[in-house]
Amino acid sequence: MERTSKRFGLWGLMVGVVAAVLLALAVTPAFAVPSTGTPGWLKDSSGAWYYYDSDGNLAHGLVQMDNDAWYYLDTTTGAMKTGWIETTESPSYYGEPVWMYFIPSKGNAATGWYQVGSKWYKFDSDGVMQTGWVKSGGKWYYMKPSGAMATSWYKVNGEWYYFSSSGVMQTGWKQIGGKWYWFDSSGAAACNEMVTIGSKKYCFDKGCAMRTGWVKDGYWYYFASGGAAVTGWQKIGGVWYYFKPNGTMQTGEQVIGGAAYYFKSSGAMASAEWVKYSIWDTNKEDYVEHWFYYFANGKKAYGTQVINGKTYKFHEEYGYWLNG
């Protein structure tokens, strides 16, 4: 009985010593270099990194080091984490959730421009991922809600923009996929509208591409191969037309350069042909139909004229055929 009592007494003493050591380890500060009490990084046998501050405490959460770089340490274990982390600890965003990217090979948060996989992201000086419009180096970029930099076509608040392969917002004239587009100074593309650029009018379709040829927008316009709306006299498909300085195609009788011409509903100039239309009769105080004749050069006939071997008389002032 005496031997048994001694054995249990020795065992109790050992347990007490181990417990005391464990308790001491739990409350005693640890250091990266224990012999000197120097704070810093410590790597365990599993390869995980930990950081101990100047008081020997294990760091947790978002931590800024002396080199101003930010690191993220697991809030429970203190192990350094890398990759994408959403946190509310950024001091510049007052508790708002933000995304940060911690570089796997180094651990520190990415700042400035940084490529993750095949996509580019922009981070501020504190490592917070940026979204929306970003100006960098005097050029504009757009970062999608995911943070990825926009390239090619991208729609923002109902407006279409085009970004180069390096993400730079485009302005002015750009040829894309064999078609021409125009972007104003804010970068927004002209779409489904007519726009005056410089002193010329251009038209763009619903896909924002520049249009050419005939376009009806209340009035008819004709856009040449270079895209600008034509004005003045124009021969199109062998037919003469006349367009005002604002580009609208003219119809009916028009006095141009002191001479009267007639343009049909199609806009085509009447040439060597009879035309019947109404003019105001001051005596009858009403519109009255009359016949008129326009020569091959488009000009209206007045007075006595021989047409196809026959003699006709036309009103000296208004030009209508007096025999009709």
C-alpha atoms as a PDB file:
ATOM      1  CA  MET A   1       0.000   0.000   0.000  1.00  0.00           C
ATOM      2  CA  GLU A   2       2.856   2.307   0.757  1.00  0.00           C
ATOM      3  CA  ARG A   3       4.483   1.701  -2.665  1.00  0.00           C
ATOM      4  CA  THR A   4       1.200   2.362  -4.443  1.00  0.00           C
ATOM      5  CA  SER A   5       0.730   5.625  -2.626  1.00  0.00           C
ATOM      6  CA  LYS A   6       4.164   6.822  -3.650  1.00  0.00           C
ATOM      7  CA  ARG A   7       3.541   5.931  -7.291  1.00  0.00           C
ATOM      8  CA  PHE A   8       0.337   7.939  -7.455  1.00  0.00           C
ATOM      9  CA  GLY A   9       2.013  10.812  -5.660  1.00  0.00           C
ATOM     10  CA  LEU A  10       4.775  10.946  -8.282  1.00  0.00           C
ATOM     11  CA  TRP A  11       2.234  10.811 -11.126  1.00  0.00           C
ATOM     12  CA  GLY A  12       0.257  13.670  -9.599  1.00  0.00           C
ATOM     13  CA  LEU A  13       3.417  15.726  -9.367  1.00  0.00           C
ATOM     14  CA  MET A  14       4.198  15.167 -13.071  1.00  0.00           C
ATOM     15  CA  VAL A  15       0.663  16.150 -14.110  1.00  0.00           C
ATOM     16  CA  GLY A  16       0.947  19.290 -12.061  1.00  0.00           C
ATOM     17  CA  VAL A  17       4.259  20.249 -13.694  1.00  0.00           C
ATOM     18  CA  VAL A  18       2.883  19.694 -17.229  1.00  0.00           C
ATOM     19  CA  ALA A  19      -0.227  21.726 -16.411  1.00  0.00           C
ATOM     20  CA  ALA A  20       1.924  24.543 -15.096  1.00  0.00           C
ATOM     21  CA  VAL A  21       4.047  24.545 -18.270  1.00  0.00           C
ATOM     22  CA  LEU A  22       0.961  24.583 -20.497  1.00  0.00           C
ATOM     23  CA  LEU A  23      -0.531  27.423 -18.453  1.00  0.00           C
ATOM     24  CA  ALA A  24       2.722  29.349 -18.730  1.00  0.00           C
ATOM     25  CA  LEU A  25       2.757  28.886 -22.520  1.00  0.00           C
ATOM     26  CA  ALA A  26      -0.816  30.116 -22.707  1.00  0.00           C
ATOM     27  CA  VAL A  27      -0.098  33.366 -20.966  1.00  0.00           C
ATOM     28  CA  THR A  28       3.535  33.963 -21.851  1.00  0.00           C
ATOM     29  CA  PRO A  29       4.052  36.228 -24.927  1.00  0.00           C
ATOM     30  CA  ALA A  30       5.628  34.540 -27.944  1.00  0.00           C
ATOM     31  CA  PHE A  31       8.099  36.165 -30.330  1.00  0.00           C
ATOM     32  CA  ALA A  32       9.390  35.434 -33.818  1.00  0.00           C
ATOM     33  CA  VAL A  33      12.869  35.413 -32.261  1.00  0.00           C
ATOM     34  CA  PRO A  34      12.206  34.311 -28.661  1.00  0.00           C
ATOM     35  CA  SER A  35      15.770  34.893 -27.474  1.00  0.00           C
ATOM     36  CA  THR A  36      15.600  38.597 -28.308  1.00  0.00           C
ATOM     37  CA  GLY A  37      11.877  39.250 -27.989  1.00  0.00           C
ATOM     38  CA  THR A  38      11.787  40.549 -31.583  1.00  0.00           C
ATOM     39  CA  PRO A  39       8.274  40.750 -33.129  1.00  0.00           C
ATOM     40  CA  GLY A  40       7.685  39.382 -36.621  1.00  0.00           C
ATOM     41  CA  TRP A  41       6.659  36.418 -38.712  1.00  0.00           C
ATOM     42  CA  LEU A  42       6.762  32.829 -37.598  1.00  0.00           C
ATOM     43  CA  LYS A  43       6.216  29.781 -39.835  1.00  0.00           C
ATOM     44  CA  ASP A  44       4.883  26.591 -38.305  1.00  0.00           C
ATOM     45  CA  SER A  45       5.562  22.997 -39.358  1.00  0.00           C
ATOM     46  CA  SER A  46       2.509  22.977 -41.662  1.00  0.00           C
ATOM     47  CA  GLY A  47       3.832  25.962 -43.621  1.00  0.00           C
ATOM     48  CA  ALA A  48       1.340  28.476 -42.219  1.00  0.00           C
ATOM     49  CA  TRP A  49       2.596  31.945 -41.357  1.00  0.00           C
ATOM     50  CA  TYR A  50       1.734  33.874 -38.169  1.00  0.00           C
ATOM     51  CA  TYR A  51       2.643  37.315 -36.978  1.00  0.00           C
ATOM     52  CA  TYR A  52       3.489  38.358 -33.411  1.00  0.00           C
ATOM     53  CA  ASP A  53       3.454  42.010 -32.433  1.00  0.00           C
ATOM     54  CA  SER A  54       5.944  43.867 -30.237  1.00  0.00           C
ATOM     55  CA  ASP A  55       4.113  42.645 -27.120  1.00  0.00           C
ATOM     56  CA  GLY A  56       4.358  39.064 -28.305  1.00  0.00           C
ATOM     57  CA  ASN A  57       0.648  38.828 -29.084  1.00  0.00           C
ATOM     58  CA  LEU A  58      -0.576  36.804 -32.058  1.00  0.00           C
ATOM     59  CA  ALA A  59      -2.099  39.179 -34.655  1.00  0.00           C
ATOM     60  CA  HIS A  60      -5.553  38.619 -36.155  1.00  0.00           C
ATOM     61  CA  GLY A  61      -7.591  40.235 -38.948  1.00  0.00           C
ATOM     62  CA  LEU A  62      -6.368  43.056 -41.183  1.00  0.00           C
ATOM     63  CA  VAL A  63      -2.920  44.191 -40.120  1.00  0.00           C
ATOM     64  CA  GLN A  64      -0.657  46.893 -41.547  1.00  0.00           C
ATOM     65  CA  MET A  65       3.066  46.269 -41.206  1.00  0.00           C
ATOM     66  CA  ASP A  66       5.922  48.768 -40.898  1.00  0.00           C
ATOM     67  CA  ASN A  67       6.389  48.716 -44.684  1.00  0.00           C
ATOM     68  CA  ASP A  68       2.782  49.998 -45.029  1.00  0.00           C
ATOM     69  CA  ALA A  69       1.715  46.715 -46.620  1.00  0.00           C
ATOM     70  CA  TRP A  70      -1.523  45.127 -45.469  1.00  0.00           C
ATOM     71  CA  TYR A  71      -1.883  41.454 -44.542  1.00  0.00           C
ATOM     72  CA  TYR A  72      -4.860  39.393 -43.484  1.00  0.00           C
ATOM     73  CA  LEU A  73      -4.583  36.945 -40.593  1.00  0.00           C
ATOM     74  CA  ASP A  74      -7.350  34.491 -39.796  1.00  0.00           C
ATOM     75  CA  THR A  75      -9.577  35.956 -37.087  1.00  0.00           C
ATOM     76  CA  THR A  76      -9.560  32.644 -35.189  1.00  0.00           C
ATOM     77  CA  THR A  77      -6.222  30.929 -35.798  1.00  0.00           C
ATOM     78  CA  GLY A  78      -4.113  33.923 -36.812  1.00  0.00           C
ATOM     79  CA  ALA A  79      -2.784  32.071 -39.871  1.00  0.00           C
ATOM     80  CA  MET A  80      -2.008  34.352 -42.817  1.00  0.00           C
ATOM     81  CA  LYS A  81      -4.628  34.137 -45.584  1.00  0.00           C
ATOM     82  CA  THR A  82      -4.191  34.942 -49.276  1.00  0.00           C
ATOM     83  CA  GLY A  83      -6.406  35.389 -52.318  1.00  0.00           C
ATOM     84  CA  TRP A  84      -9.695  37.291 -52.292  1.00  0.00           C
ATOM     85  CA  ILE A  85     -10.900  38.415 -48.878  1.00  0.00           C
ATOM     86  CA  GLU A  86     -14.019  40.432 -48.062  1.00  0.00           C
ATOM     87  CA  THR A  87     -13.531  42.502 -44.941  1.00  0.00           C
ATOM     88  CA  THR A  88     -15.111  45.343 -43.024  1.00  0.00           C
ATOM     89  CA  GLU A  89     -11.846  46.267 -41.317  1.00  0.00           C
ATOM     90  CA  SER A  90     -10.491  48.729 -43.909  1.00  0.00           C
ATOM     91  CA  PRO A  91      -9.922  52.023 -42.038  1.00  0.00           C
ATOM     92  CA  SER A  92     -10.777  54.127 -45.070  1.00  0.00           C
ATOM     93  CA  TYR A  93     -14.255  52.637 -45.559  1.00  0.00           C
ATOM     94  CA  TYR A  94     -15.649  52.894 -42.017  1.00  0.00           C
ATOM     95  CA  GLY A  95     -16.977  49.377 -41.565  1.00  0.00           C
ATOM     96  CA  GLU A  96     -18.306  48.928 -45.091  1.00  0.00           C
ATOM     97  CA  PRO A  97     -17.620  45.537 -46.686  1.00  0.00           C
ATOM     98  CA  VAL A  98     -14.828  45.782 -49.252  1.00  0.00           C
ATOM     99  CA  TRP A  99     -12.811  43.296 -51.283  1.00  0.00           C
ATOM    100  CA  MET A 100      -9.043  42.980 -51.098  1.00  0.00           C
ATOM    101  CA  TYR A 101      -6.637  40.644 -52.847  1.00  0.00           C
ATOM    102  CA  PHE A 102      -3.700  39.209 -50.965  1.00  0.00           C
ATOM    103  CA  ILE A 103      -0.914  38.010 -53.236  1.00  0.00           C
ATOM    104  CA  PRO A 104      -0.384  34.254 -52.679  1.00  0.00           C
ATOM    105  CA  SER A 105       3.384  34.380 -53.204  1.00  0.00           C
ATOM    106  CA  LYS A 106       3.916  37.225 -50.736  1.00  0.00           C
ATOM    107  CA  GLY A 107       0.833  37.578 -48.590  1.00  0.00           C
ATOM    108  CA  ASN A 108       0.555  41.341 -48.831  1.00  0.00           C
ATOM    109  CA  ALA A 109      -2.489  43.112 -50.289  1.00  0.00           C
ATOM    110  CA  ALA A 110      -2.261  44.138 -53.950  1.00  0.00           C
ATOM    111  CA  THR A 111      -2.270  47.885 -54.629  1.00  0.00           C
ATOM    112  CA  GLY A 112      -2.531  49.836 -57.874  1.00  0.00           C
ATOM    113  CA  TRP A 113      -3.059  47.778 -61.024  1.00  0.00           C
ATOM    114  CA  TYR A 114      -2.812  44.042 -60.494  1.00  0.00           C
ATOM    115  CA  GLN A 115      -3.658  41.081 -62.713  1.00  0.00           C
ATOM    116  CA  VAL A 116      -5.482  38.126 -61.212  1.00  0.00           C
ATOM    117  CA  GLY A 117      -5.787  35.272 -63.672  1.00  0.00           C
ATOM    118  CA  SER A 118      -6.582  36.847 -67.033  1.00  0.00           C
ATOM    119  CA  LYS A 119      -8.285  39.940 -65.579  1.00  0.00           C
ATOM    120  CA  TRP A 120      -6.977  43.280 -64.390  1.00  0.00           C
ATOM    121  CA  TYR A 121      -8.105  44.987 -61.202  1.00  0.00           C
ATOM    122  CA  LYS A 122      -7.409  48.378 -59.644  1.00  0.00           C
ATOM    123  CA  PHE A 123      -6.746  48.694 -55.916  1.00  0.00           C
ATOM    124  CA  ASP A 124      -6.304  51.879 -53.910  1.00  0.00           C
ATOM    125  CA  SER A 125      -3.273  52.581 -51.726  1.00  0.00           C
ATOM    126  CA  ASP A 126      -4.880  50.618 -48.859  1.00  0.00           C
ATOM    127  CA  GLY A 127      -5.481  47.609 -51.101  1.00  0.00           C
ATOM    128  CA  VAL A 128      -9.238  48.052 -51.511  1.00  0.00           C
ATOM    129  CA  MET A 129     -10.606  46.858 -54.856  1.00  0.00           C
ATOM    130  CA  GLN A 130     -12.106  49.668 -56.940  1.00  0.00           C
ATOM    131  CA  THR A 131     -15.331  49.614 -58.962  1.00  0.00           C
ATOM    132  CA  GLY A 132     -16.920  52.107 -61.357  1.00  0.00           C
ATOM    133  CA  TRP A 133     -15.018  54.871 -63.129  1.00  0.00           C
ATOM    134  CA  VAL A 134     -11.308  55.141 -62.399  1.00  0.00           C
ATOM    135  CA  LYS A 135      -8.897  57.753 -63.772  1.00  0.00           C
ATOM    136  CA  SER A 136      -5.309  56.591 -63.976  1.00  0.00           C
ATOM    137  CA  GLY A 137      -2.430  58.257 -65.800  1.00  0.00           C
ATOM    138  CA  GLY A 138      -4.813  60.831 -67.254  1.00  0.00           C
ATOM    139  CA  LYS A 139      -6.984  58.118 -68.876  1.00  0.00           C
ATOM    140  CA  TRP A 140     -10.371  56.740 -67.928  1.00  0.00           C
ATOM    141  CA  TYR A 141     -11.130  53.102 -67.158  1.00  0.00           C
ATOM    142  CA  TYR A 142     -14.249  51.330 -65.959  1.00  0.00           C
ATOM    143  CA  MET A 143     -14.132  48.613 -63.345  1.00  0.00           C
ATOM    144  CA  LYS A 144     -17.138  46.280 -63.408  1.00  0.00           C
ATOM    145  CA  PRO A 145     -19.102  45.439 -60.237  1.00  0.00           C
ATOM    146  CA  SER A 146     -16.881  42.367 -59.973  1.00  0.00           C
ATOM    147  CA  GLY A 147     -13.884  44.691 -60.009  1.00  0.00           C
ATOM    148  CA  ALA A 148     -12.595  43.365 -63.345  1.00  0.00           C
ATOM    149  CA  MET A 149     -11.475  46.032 -65.827  1.00  0.00           C
ATOM    150  CA  ALA A 150     -13.877  46.515 -68.762  1.00  0.00           C
ATOM    151  CA  THR A 151     -12.613  45.978 -72.295  1.00  0.00           C
ATOM    152  CA  SER A 152     -14.382  46.167 -75.664  1.00  0.00           C
ATOM    153  CA  TRP A 153     -18.068  47.259 -75.525  1.00  0.00           C
ATOM    154  CA  TYR A 154     -19.587  47.877 -72.104  1.00  0.00           C
ATOM    155  CA  LYS A 155     -22.867  49.554 -71.116  1.00  0.00           C
ATOM    156  CA  VAL A 156     -22.874  51.975 -68.186  1.00  0.00           C
ATOM    157  CA  ASN A 157     -26.095  53.682 -67.015  1.00  0.00           C
ATOM    158  CA  GLY A 158     -27.796  53.112 -70.359  1.00  0.00           C
ATOM    159  CA  GLU A 159     -24.883  54.441 -72.452  1.00  0.00           C
ATOM    160  CA  TRP A 160     -22.508  52.356 -74.549  1.00  0.00           C
ATOM    161  CA  TYR A 161     -18.759  52.812 -74.179  1.00  0.00           C
ATOM    162  CA  TYR A 162     -15.809  51.181 -75.870  1.00  0.00           C
ATOM    163  CA  PHE A 163     -12.592  50.305 -74.082  1.00  0.00           C
ATOM    164  CA  SER A 164      -9.351  49.237 -75.713  1.00  0.00           C
ATOM    165  CA  SER A 165      -7.716  45.891 -74.917  1.00  0.00           C
ATOM    166  CA  SER A 166      -5.728  47.762 -72.249  1.00  0.00           C
ATOM    167  CA  GLY A 167      -8.974  49.151 -70.797  1.00  0.00           C
ATOM    168  CA  VAL A 168      -8.665  52.778 -71.949  1.00  0.00           C
ATOM    169  CA  MET A 169     -12.001  54.506 -72.650  1.00  0.00           C
ATOM    170  CA  GLN A 170     -12.254  55.669 -76.270  1.00  0.00           C
ATOM    171  CA  THR A 171     -13.437  59.041 -77.598  1.00  0.00           C
ATOM    172  CA  GLY A 172     -13.922  60.511 -81.069  1.00  0.00           C
ATOM    173  CA  TRP A 173     -14.049  58.432 -84.252  1.00  0.00           C
ATOM    174  CA  LYS A 174     -13.151  54.744 -83.996  1.00  0.00           C
ATOM    175  CA  GLN A 175     -13.343  51.980 -86.581  1.00  0.00           C
ATOM    176  CA  ILE A 176     -14.370  48.728 -84.922  1.00  0.00           C
ATOM    177  CA  GLY A 177     -15.006  45.528 -86.821  1.00  0.00           C
ATOM    178  CA  GLY A 178     -15.030  47.372 -90.143  1.00  0.00           C
ATOM    179  CA  LYS A 179     -17.645  49.903 -89.008  1.00  0.00           C
ATOM    180  CA  TRP A 180     -17.280  53.487 -87.862  1.00  0.00           C
ATOM    181  CA  TYR A 181     -18.453  54.734 -84.463  1.00  0.00           C
ATOM    182  CA  TRP A 182     -18.296  58.071 -82.717  1.00  0.00           C
ATOM    183  CA  PHE A 183     -17.828  58.630 -78.982  1.00  0.00           C
ATOM    184  CA  ASP A 184     -18.287  62.041 -77.370  1.00  0.00           C
ATOM    185  CA  SER A 185     -15.834  63.586 -74.921  1.00  0.00           C
ATOM    186  CA  SER A 186     -17.431  61.639 -72.044  1.00  0.00           C
ATOM    187  CA  GLY A 187     -16.903  58.395 -73.964  1.00  0.00           C
ATOM    188  CA  ALA A 188     -20.594  57.718 -74.659  1.00  0.00           C
ATOM    189  CA  ALA A 189     -21.302  56.330 -78.143  1.00  0.00           C
ATOM    190  CA  ALA A 190     -23.767  58.056 -80.461  1.00  0.00           C
ATOM    191  CA  CYS A 191     -26.574  55.502 -80.909  1.00  0.00           C
ATOM    192  CA  ASN A 192     -29.838  55.653 -82.848  1.00  0.00           C
ATOM    193  CA  GLU A 193     -29.532  59.389 -83.438  1.00  0.00           C
ATOM    194  CA  MET A 194     -28.265  62.166 -85.665  1.00  0.00           C
ATOM    195  CA  VAL A 195     -25.301  64.111 -84.369  1.00  0.00           C
ATOM    196  CA  THR A 196     -23.594  67.232 -85.670  1.00  0.00           C
ATOM    197  CA  ILE A 197     -19.839  66.714 -85.492  1.00  0.00           C
ATOM    198  CA  GLY A 198     -17.857  69.770 -86.457  1.00  0.00           C
ATOM    199  CA  SER A 199     -20.081  71.365 -89.073  1.00  0.00           C
ATOM    200  CA  LYS A 200     -21.454  68.127 -90.529  1.00  0.00           C
ATOM    201  CA  LYS A 201     -24.393  65.911 -89.652  1.00  0.00           C
ATOM    202  CA  TYR A 202     -24.005  62.158 -89.179  1.00  0.00           C
ATOM    203  CA  CYS A 203     -26.463  59.385 -88.419  1.00  0.00           C
ATOM    204  CA  PHE A 204     -25.922  56.334 -86.220  1.00  0.00           C
ATOM    205  CA  ASP A 205     -28.075  53.221 -86.035  1.00  0.00           C
ATOM    206  CA  LYS A 206     -29.362  51.326 -82.978  1.00  0.00           C
ATOM    207  CA  GLY A 207     -26.098  49.424 -82.838  1.00  0.00           C
ATOM    208  CA  CYS A 208     -24.238  52.762 -82.749  1.00  0.00           C
ATOM    209  CA  ALA A 209     -22.643  52.199 -86.200  1.00  0.00           C
ATOM    210  CA  MET A 210     -22.458  55.123 -88.640  1.00  0.00           C
ATOM    211  CA  ARG A 211     -25.082  54.968 -91.395  1.00  0.00           C
ATOM    212  CA  THR A 212     -24.766  55.852 -95.065  1.00  0.00           C
ATOM    213  CA  GLY A 213     -27.328  56.214 -97.846  1.00  0.00           C
ATOM    214  CA  TRP A 214     -30.965  57.251 -97.430  1.00  0.00           C
ATOM    215  CA  VAL A 215     -32.329  57.804 -93.926  1.00  0.00           C
ATOM    216  CA  LYS A 216     -35.773  59.065 -92.920  1.00  0.00           C
ATOM    217  CA  ASP A 217     -36.063  60.908 -89.633  1.00  0.00           C
ATOM    218  CA  GLY A 218     -39.161  63.022 -90.138  1.00  0.00           C
ATOM    219  CA  TYR A 219     -37.478  64.261 -93.331  1.00  0.00           C
ATOM    220  CA  TRP A 220     -35.323  62.382 -95.803  1.00  0.00           C
ATOM    221  CA  TYR A 221     -31.550  62.725 -95.642  1.00  0.00           C
ATOM    222  CA  TYR A 222     -28.786  61.230 -97.697  1.00  0.00           C
ATOM    223  CA  PHE A 223     -25.501  60.310 -96.058  1.00  0.00           C
ATOM    224  CA  ALA A 224     -22.515  59.975 -98.349  1.00  0.00           C
ATOM    225  CA  SER A 225     -19.970  57.145 -98.175  1.00  0.00           C
ATOM    226  CA  GLY A 226     -17.917  59.232 -95.730  1.00  0.00           C
ATOM    227  CA  GLY A 227     -20.959  59.429 -93.446  1.00  0.00           C
ATOM    228  CA  ALA A 228     -21.745  63.154 -93.654  1.00  0.00           C
ATOM    229  CA  ALA A 229     -25.216  64.294 -94.755  1.00  0.00           C
ATOM    230  CA  VAL A 230     -25.119  65.865 -98.215  1.00  0.00           C
ATOM    231  CA  THR A 231     -26.381  69.404 -98.911  1.00  0.00           C
ATOM    232  CA  GLY A 232     -27.196  71.412-102.014  1.00  0.00           C
ATOM    233  CA  TRP A 233     -27.465  69.798-105.454  1.00  0.00           C
ATOM    234  CA  GLN A 234     -26.703  66.075-105.506  1.00  0.00           C
ATOM    235  CA  LYS A 235     -26.923  63.512-108.293  1.00  0.00           C
ATOM    236  CA  ILE A 236     -27.793  60.138-106.774  1.00  0.00           C
ATOM    237  CA  GLY A 237     -28.419  57.094-108.932  1.00  0.00           C
ATOM    238  CA  GLY A 238     -28.552  59.289-112.031  1.00  0.00           C
ATOM    239  CA  VAL A 239     -31.254  61.538-110.546  1.00  0.00           C
ATOM    240  CA  TRP A 240     -30.897  65.107-109.289  1.00  0.00           C
ATOM    241  CA  TYR A 241     -31.971  66.067-105.771  1.00  0.00           C
ATOM    242  CA  TYR A 242     -31.671  69.185-103.705  1.00  0.00           C
ATOM    243  CA  PHE A 243     -30.932  69.304 -99.960  1.00  0.00           C
ATOM    244  CA  LYS A 244     -31.090  72.261 -97.602  1.00  0.00           C
ATOM    245  CA  PRO A 245     -28.008  73.271 -95.576  1.00  0.00           C
ATOM    246  CA  ASN A 246     -29.407  71.183 -92.674  1.00  0.00           C
ATOM    247  CA  GLY A 247     -29.463  68.131 -94.962  1.00  0.00           C
ATOM    248  CA  THR A 248     -33.219  67.772 -95.477  1.00  0.00           C
ATOM    249  CA  MET A 249     -34.307  66.637 -98.928  1.00  0.00           C
ATOM    250  CA  GLN A 250     -36.594  69.106-100.714  1.00  0.00           C
ATOM    251  CA  THR A 251     -39.899  68.412-102.473  1.00  0.00           C
ATOM    252  CA  GLY A 252     -42.365  70.588-104.374  1.00  0.00           C
ATOM    253  CA  GLU A 253     -41.369  73.806-106.088  1.00  0.00           C
ATOM    254  CA  GLN A 254     -38.131  75.383-104.902  1.00  0.00           C
ATOM    255  CA  VAL A 255     -36.468  78.595-106.081  1.00  0.00           C
ATOM    256  CA  ILE A 256     -32.729  77.991-106.247  1.00  0.00           C
ATOM    257  CA  GLY A 257     -30.321  80.570-107.557  1.00  0.00           C
ATOM    258  CA  GLY A 258     -33.217  82.645-108.920  1.00  0.00           C
ATOM    259  CA  ALA A 259     -34.715  79.762-110.949  1.00  0.00           C
ATOM    260  CA  ALA A 260     -37.775  77.657-110.104  1.00  0.00           C
ATOM    261  CA  TYR A 261     -37.479  73.867-110.005  1.00  0.00           C
ATOM    262  CA  TYR A 262     -39.892  71.131-109.047  1.00  0.00           C
ATOM    263  CA  PHE A 263     -39.041  68.102-106.934  1.00  0.00           C
ATOM    264  CA  LYS A 264     -41.458  65.184-106.817  1.00  0.00           C
ATOM    265  CA  SER A 265     -42.528  63.428-103.610  1.00  0.00           C
ATOM    266  CA  SER A 266     -39.540  61.108-104.085  1.00  0.00           C
ATOM    267  CA  GLY A 267     -37.274  64.161-104.122  1.00  0.00           C
ATOM    268  CA  ALA A 268     -36.330  63.586-107.750  1.00  0.00           C
ATOM    269  CA  MET A 269     -36.132  66.759-109.849  1.00  0.00           C
ATOM    270  CA  ALA A 270     -38.757  67.074-112.599  1.00  0.00           C
ATOM    271  CA  SER A 271     -36.899  67.013-115.918  1.00  0.00           C
ATOM    272  CA  ALA A 272     -38.441  67.501-119.400  1.00  0.00           C
ATOM    273  CA  GLU A 273     -41.894  66.768-118.069  1.00  0.00           C
ATOM    274  CA  TRP A 274     -45.298  68.172-117.232  1.00  0.00           C
ATOM    275  CA  VAL A 275     -46.275  68.513-113.588  1.00  0.00           C
ATOM    276  CA  LYS A 276     -49.693  69.318-112.159  1.00  0.00           C
ATOM    277  CA  TYR A 277     -50.099  70.935-108.761  1.00  0.00           C
ATOM    278  CA  SER A 278     -52.143  73.582-106.968  1.00  0.00           C
ATOM    279  CA  ILE A 279     -51.187  77.193-106.357  1.00  0.00           C
ATOM    280  CA  TRP A 280     -53.010  79.945-104.520  1.00  0.00           C
ATOM    281  CA  ASP A 281     -55.378  81.980-106.687  1.00  0.00           C
ATOM    282  CA  THR A 282     -55.835  85.455-105.146  1.00  0.00           C
ATOM    283  CA  ASN A 283     -58.957  86.124-107.196  1.00  0.00           C
ATOM    284  CA  LYS A 284     -60.681  82.933-106.128  1.00  0.00           C
ATOM    285  CA  GLU A 285     -59.059  82.971-102.702  1.00  0.00           C
ATOM    286  CA  ASP A 286     -58.441  79.272-102.992  1.00  0.00           C
ATOM    287  CA  TYR A 287     -55.930  76.761-104.321  1.00  0.00           C
ATOM    288  CA  VAL A 288     -56.360  75.975-107.999  1.00  0.00           C
ATOM    289  CA  GLU A 289     -54.659  73.163-109.948  1.00  0.00           C
ATOM    290  CA  HIS A 290     -52.569  74.056-112.997  1.00  0.00           C
ATOM    291  CA  TRP A 291     -50.149  72.379-115.382  1.00  0.00           C
ATOM    292  CA  PHE A 292     -46.516  73.411-115.439  1.00  0.00           C
ATOM    293  CA  TYR A 293     -43.618  72.381-117.602  1.00  0.00           C
ATOM    294  CA  TYR A 294     -40.006  71.868-116.498  1.00  0.00           C
ATOM    295  CA  PHE A 295     -37.212  71.625-119.043  1.00  0.00           C
ATOM    296  CA  ALA A 296     -34.492  68.948-119.103  1.00  0.00           C
ATOM    297  CA  ASN A 297     -32.297  71.178-116.907  1.00  0.00           C
ATOM    298  CA  GLY A 298     -35.132  71.331-114.363  1.00  0.00           C
ATOM    299  CA  LYS A 299     -36.061  74.970-114.864  1.00  0.00           C
ATOM    300  CA  LYS A 300     -39.713  75.996-115.151  1.00  0.00           C
ATOM    301  CA  ALA A 301     -41.135  77.310-118.425  1.00  0.00           C
ATOM    302  CA  TYR A 302     -42.523  80.872-118.694  1.00  0.00           C
ATOM    303  CA  GLY A 303     -44.073  82.805-121.592  1.00  0.00           C
ATOM    304  CA  THR A 304     -44.244  81.227-125.052  1.00  0.00           C
ATOM    305  CA  GLN A 305     -42.323  77.979-125.444  1.00  0.00           C
ATOM    306  CA  VAL A 306     -41.999  75.319-128.152  1.00  0.00           C
ATOM    307  CA  ILE A 307     -42.086  71.861-126.601  1.00  0.00           C
ATOM    308  CA  ASN A 308     -41.735  68.753-128.770  1.00  0.00           C
ATOM    309  CA  GLY A 309     -42.638  70.809-131.843  1.00  0.00           C
ATOM    310  CA  LYS A 310     -45.706  72.417-130.329  1.00  0.00           C
ATOM    311  CA  THR A 311     -46.152  75.986-129.073  1.00  0.00           C
ATOM    312  CA  TYR A 312     -47.414  76.584-125.547  1.00  0.00           C
ATOM    313  CA  LYS A 313     -48.100  79.736-123.574  1.00  0.00           C
ATOM    314  CA  PHE A 314     -47.337  79.940-119.878  1.00  0.00           C
ATOM    315  CA  HIS A 315     -48.097  82.616-117.331  1.00  0.00           C
ATOM    316  CA  GLU A 316     -45.267  85.134-117.343  1.00  0.00           C
ATOM    317  CA  GLU A 317     -45.071  85.336-113.541  1.00  0.00           C
ATOM    318  CA  TYR A 318     -46.297  82.007-112.143  1.00  0.00           C
ATOM    319  CA  GLY A 319     -45.495  79.738-115.093  1.00  0.00           C
ATOM    320  CA  TYR A 320     -48.721  77.763-115.318  1.00  0.00           C
ATOM    321  CA  TRP A 321     -49.996  76.698-118.772  1.00  0.00           C
ATOM    322  CA  LEU A 322     -52.549  79.243-119.946  1.00  0.00           C
ATOM    323  CA  ASN A 323     -54.260  76.820-122.360  1.00  0.00           C
ATOM    324  CA  GLY A 324     -54.918  74.209-119.723  1.00  0.00           C
END
